[in-house]
Protein backbone atom coordinates (compact mmCIF):
# COMPACT_ATOMS: atom_id res chain seq x y z
CA UNK A 1 -8.36 -5.63 -13.90
CA UNK A 2 -5.62 -7.51 -15.50
CA UNK A 3 -2.13 -8.66 -13.99
CA UNK A 4 0.87 -6.98 -15.66
CA UNK A 5 3.39 -8.91 -13.39
CA UNK A 6 3.51 -10.71 -10.28
CA UNK A 7 6.46 -11.65 -8.09
CA UNK A 8 6.79 -13.42 -4.87
CA UNK A 9 10.07 -14.49 -2.98
CA UNK A 10 13.25 -13.03 -1.76
CA UNK A 11 14.70 -9.95 -3.34
CA UNK A 12 18.53 -10.00 -4.09
CA UNK A 13 20.50 -8.07 -6.57
CA UNK A 14 20.19 -10.63 -9.11
CA UNK A 15 16.56 -11.07 -8.78
CA UNK A 16 16.12 -7.32 -8.82
CA UNK A 17 18.08 -7.02 -12.15
CA UNK A 18 16.01 -9.79 -13.59
CA UNK A 19 12.62 -8.38 -12.50
CA UNK A 20 13.89 -4.79 -14.07
CA UNK A 21 14.36 -6.66 -17.48
CA UNK A 22 11.06 -8.24 -17.22
CA UNK A 23 9.12 -5.10 -16.40
CA UNK A 24 10.86 -3.21 -19.40
CA UNK A 25 9.21 -5.74 -21.87
CA UNK A 26 6.01 -5.85 -20.07
CA UNK A 27 5.80 -1.82 -20.36
CA UNK A 28 6.03 -2.00 -24.10
CA UNK A 29 3.01 -4.25 -24.20
CA UNK A 30 0.97 -1.83 -22.05
CA UNK A 31 1.65 1.58 -23.84
CA UNK A 32 3.54 3.08 -26.87
CA UNK A 33 4.15 6.34 -24.65
CA UNK A 34 7.93 6.22 -24.04
CA UNK A 35 7.22 8.69 -21.24
CA UNK A 36 4.50 6.37 -19.46
CA UNK A 37 7.04 3.48 -20.03
CA UNK A 38 9.81 5.21 -18.41
CA UNK A 39 7.62 6.12 -15.29
CA UNK A 40 6.41 2.69 -14.99
CA UNK A 41 10.01 1.23 -14.77
CA UNK A 42 11.13 4.06 -12.67
CA UNK A 43 8.36 3.67 -9.92
CA UNK A 44 9.04 -0.20 -10.17
CA UNK A 45 12.94 0.16 -9.87
CA UNK A 46 12.34 2.60 -6.81
CA UNK A 47 9.89 0.01 -5.14
CA UNK A 48 12.43 -2.86 -5.65
CA UNK A 49 15.60 -0.92 -4.63
CA UNK A 50 13.88 0.37 -1.52
CA UNK A 51 13.28 -3.35 -0.41
CA UNK A 52 16.38 -4.53 -1.53
CA UNK A 53 18.45 -1.89 0.46
CA UNK A 54 16.10 -2.44 3.52
CA UNK A 55 16.42 -6.24 3.51
CA UNK A 56 20.23 -5.80 2.97
CA UNK A 57 20.67 -3.25 5.93
CA UNK A 58 18.36 -5.49 8.19
CA UNK A 59 19.75 -8.77 7.00
CA UNK A 60 16.46 -10.06 5.88
CA UNK A 61 17.91 -11.73 2.71
CA UNK A 62 15.56 -14.73 3.31
CA UNK A 63 12.30 -12.75 3.77
CA UNK A 64 9.63 -12.96 1.15
CA UNK A 65 8.30 -9.88 -0.59
CA UNK A 66 5.44 -9.92 -3.09
CA UNK A 67 4.78 -7.20 -5.73
CA UNK A 68 1.95 -7.16 -8.12
CA UNK A 69 1.14 -4.93 -10.99
CA UNK A 70 -2.60 -4.81 -11.81
CA UNK A 71 -3.49 -2.84 -15.18
CA UNK A 72 -6.72 -0.87 -14.83
CA UNK A 73 -8.12 1.73 -17.22
CA UNK A 74 -5.66 4.55 -17.32
CA UNK A 75 -3.55 3.36 -14.31
CA UNK A 76 -1.11 0.78 -12.92
CA UNK A 77 -1.50 -0.20 -9.43
CA UNK A 78 1.52 -1.60 -7.71
CA UNK A 79 0.79 -3.67 -4.50
CA UNK A 80 3.85 -4.50 -2.39
CA UNK A 81 3.92 -6.65 0.70
CA UNK A 82 7.06 -6.68 2.50
CA UNK A 83 8.67 -7.27 5.88
CA UNK A 84 9.27 -4.22 8.27
CA UNK A 85 10.99 -4.50 11.55
CA UNK A 86 8.90 -3.34 14.46
CA UNK A 87 11.33 -0.52 15.47
CA UNK A 88 10.90 0.99 11.77
CA UNK A 89 7.18 0.50 11.66
CA UNK A 90 6.24 3.76 13.46
CA UNK A 91 8.75 5.84 11.57
CA UNK A 92 7.64 4.32 8.26
CA UNK A 93 4.09 5.29 9.12
CA UNK A 94 5.08 9.00 10.18
CA UNK A 95 7.05 9.27 6.82
CA UNK A 96 4.28 7.92 4.78
CA UNK A 97 1.65 10.25 6.30
CA UNK A 98 3.97 13.14 6.17
CA UNK A 99 4.74 12.69 2.37
CA UNK A 100 1.18 11.91 1.51
CA UNK A 101 -0.03 15.28 3.10
CA UNK A 102 2.43 17.18 0.91
CA UNK A 103 1.58 18.92 -2.42
CA UNK A 104 3.91 18.71 -5.26
CA UNK A 105 5.77 21.99 -4.03
CA UNK A 106 6.18 20.50 -0.54
CA UNK A 107 7.41 17.19 -2.01
CA UNK A 108 10.13 19.01 -4.22
CA UNK A 109 11.00 21.03 -1.14
CA UNK A 110 11.45 17.87 1.21
CA UNK A 111 13.37 16.09 -1.68
CA UNK A 112 15.70 18.86 -2.17
CA UNK A 113 16.20 19.13 1.57
CA UNK A 114 17.09 15.46 1.83
CA UNK A 115 19.55 15.78 -0.89
CA UNK A 116 21.12 18.73 0.62
CA UNK A 117 21.66 16.96 4.10
CA UNK A 118 25.15 16.24 5.27
CA UNK A 119 24.57 12.86 6.81
CA UNK A 120 24.43 10.64 3.73
CA UNK A 121 22.42 7.79 5.66
CA UNK A 122 19.75 10.18 6.61
CA UNK A 123 19.63 11.86 3.33
CA UNK A 124 18.83 8.64 1.40
CA UNK A 125 16.16 7.38 4.04
CA UNK A 126 12.77 7.66 2.53
CA UNK A 127 13.95 9.62 -0.66
CA UNK A 128 12.61 6.61 -2.80
CA UNK A 129 9.14 7.29 -1.45
CA UNK A 130 9.17 10.80 -1.95
CA UNK A 131 10.40 10.20 -5.69
CA UNK A 132 7.54 7.72 -6.05
CA UNK A 133 5.08 10.05 -4.48
CA UNK A 134 6.27 12.63 -7.05
CA UNK A 135 6.18 10.44 -10.02
CA UNK A 136 2.87 9.10 -9.42
CA UNK A 137 1.05 12.19 -8.20
CA UNK A 138 -0.86 10.10 -5.85
CA UNK A 139 -0.82 9.14 -2.28
CA UNK A 140 0.78 5.89 -1.15
CA UNK A 141 -1.87 4.02 0.55
CA UNK A 142 -0.30 1.67 3.30
CA UNK A 143 -1.45 -0.97 5.89
CA UNK A 144 0.53 -2.73 8.47
CA UNK A 145 -0.18 -6.28 9.45
CA UNK A 146 1.14 -8.59 11.98
CA UNK A 147 2.09 -12.14 11.19
CA UNK A 148 3.37 -14.65 13.34
CA UNK A 149 6.95 -14.08 12.28
CA UNK A 150 7.27 -10.41 11.84
CA UNK A 151 5.18 -7.31 10.78
CA UNK A 152 4.48 -6.73 7.05
CA UNK A 153 3.73 -3.56 5.32
CA UNK A 154 1.35 -3.55 2.66
CA UNK A 155 1.80 -0.56 0.09
CA UNK A 156 -0.43 0.34 -2.64
CA UNK A 157 0.90 2.72 -5.25
CA UNK A 158 -1.25 3.98 -8.17
CA UNK A 159 0.36 5.42 -11.35
CA UNK A 160 -1.69 7.28 -13.84
CA UNK A 161 -1.04 5.99 -17.40
CA UNK A 162 -2.47 8.74 -19.31
CA UNK A 163 -0.12 11.21 -20.87
CA UNK A 164 0.31 14.65 -19.28
């Protein structure tokens, strides 16, 4: 198992942009397949965007997030450790359980339903995780940990690197 990337620190717009530039060059070293490179960048961008938006919404700008990418034979494993508020923990758990239980058709239906919702804030909530689940084709593994300062969610997202 090899590291493809590792970051630990706050997530601001400037940092997000720099990390996305870095992952672009990193994907070219992993595979020649343009499709797989795009998929890696898409999933990485969705992960960062979810964290950035959540932290911005909850005024968590000083919180530390860590995201690592481990390269394994035919797969890339993203491991994210991020702060989550106590009030959001249960709804995040329920959302992850729900999308993990759906097949591809169910995920596409849920995605479309979220896009069609009139309440824009509700429509955007969780759509990134649905997209990640669709792009990877794998369940999103999660674990909540209580730290002295806050609750942390640990997400493990596995992306298949073989061409389809």
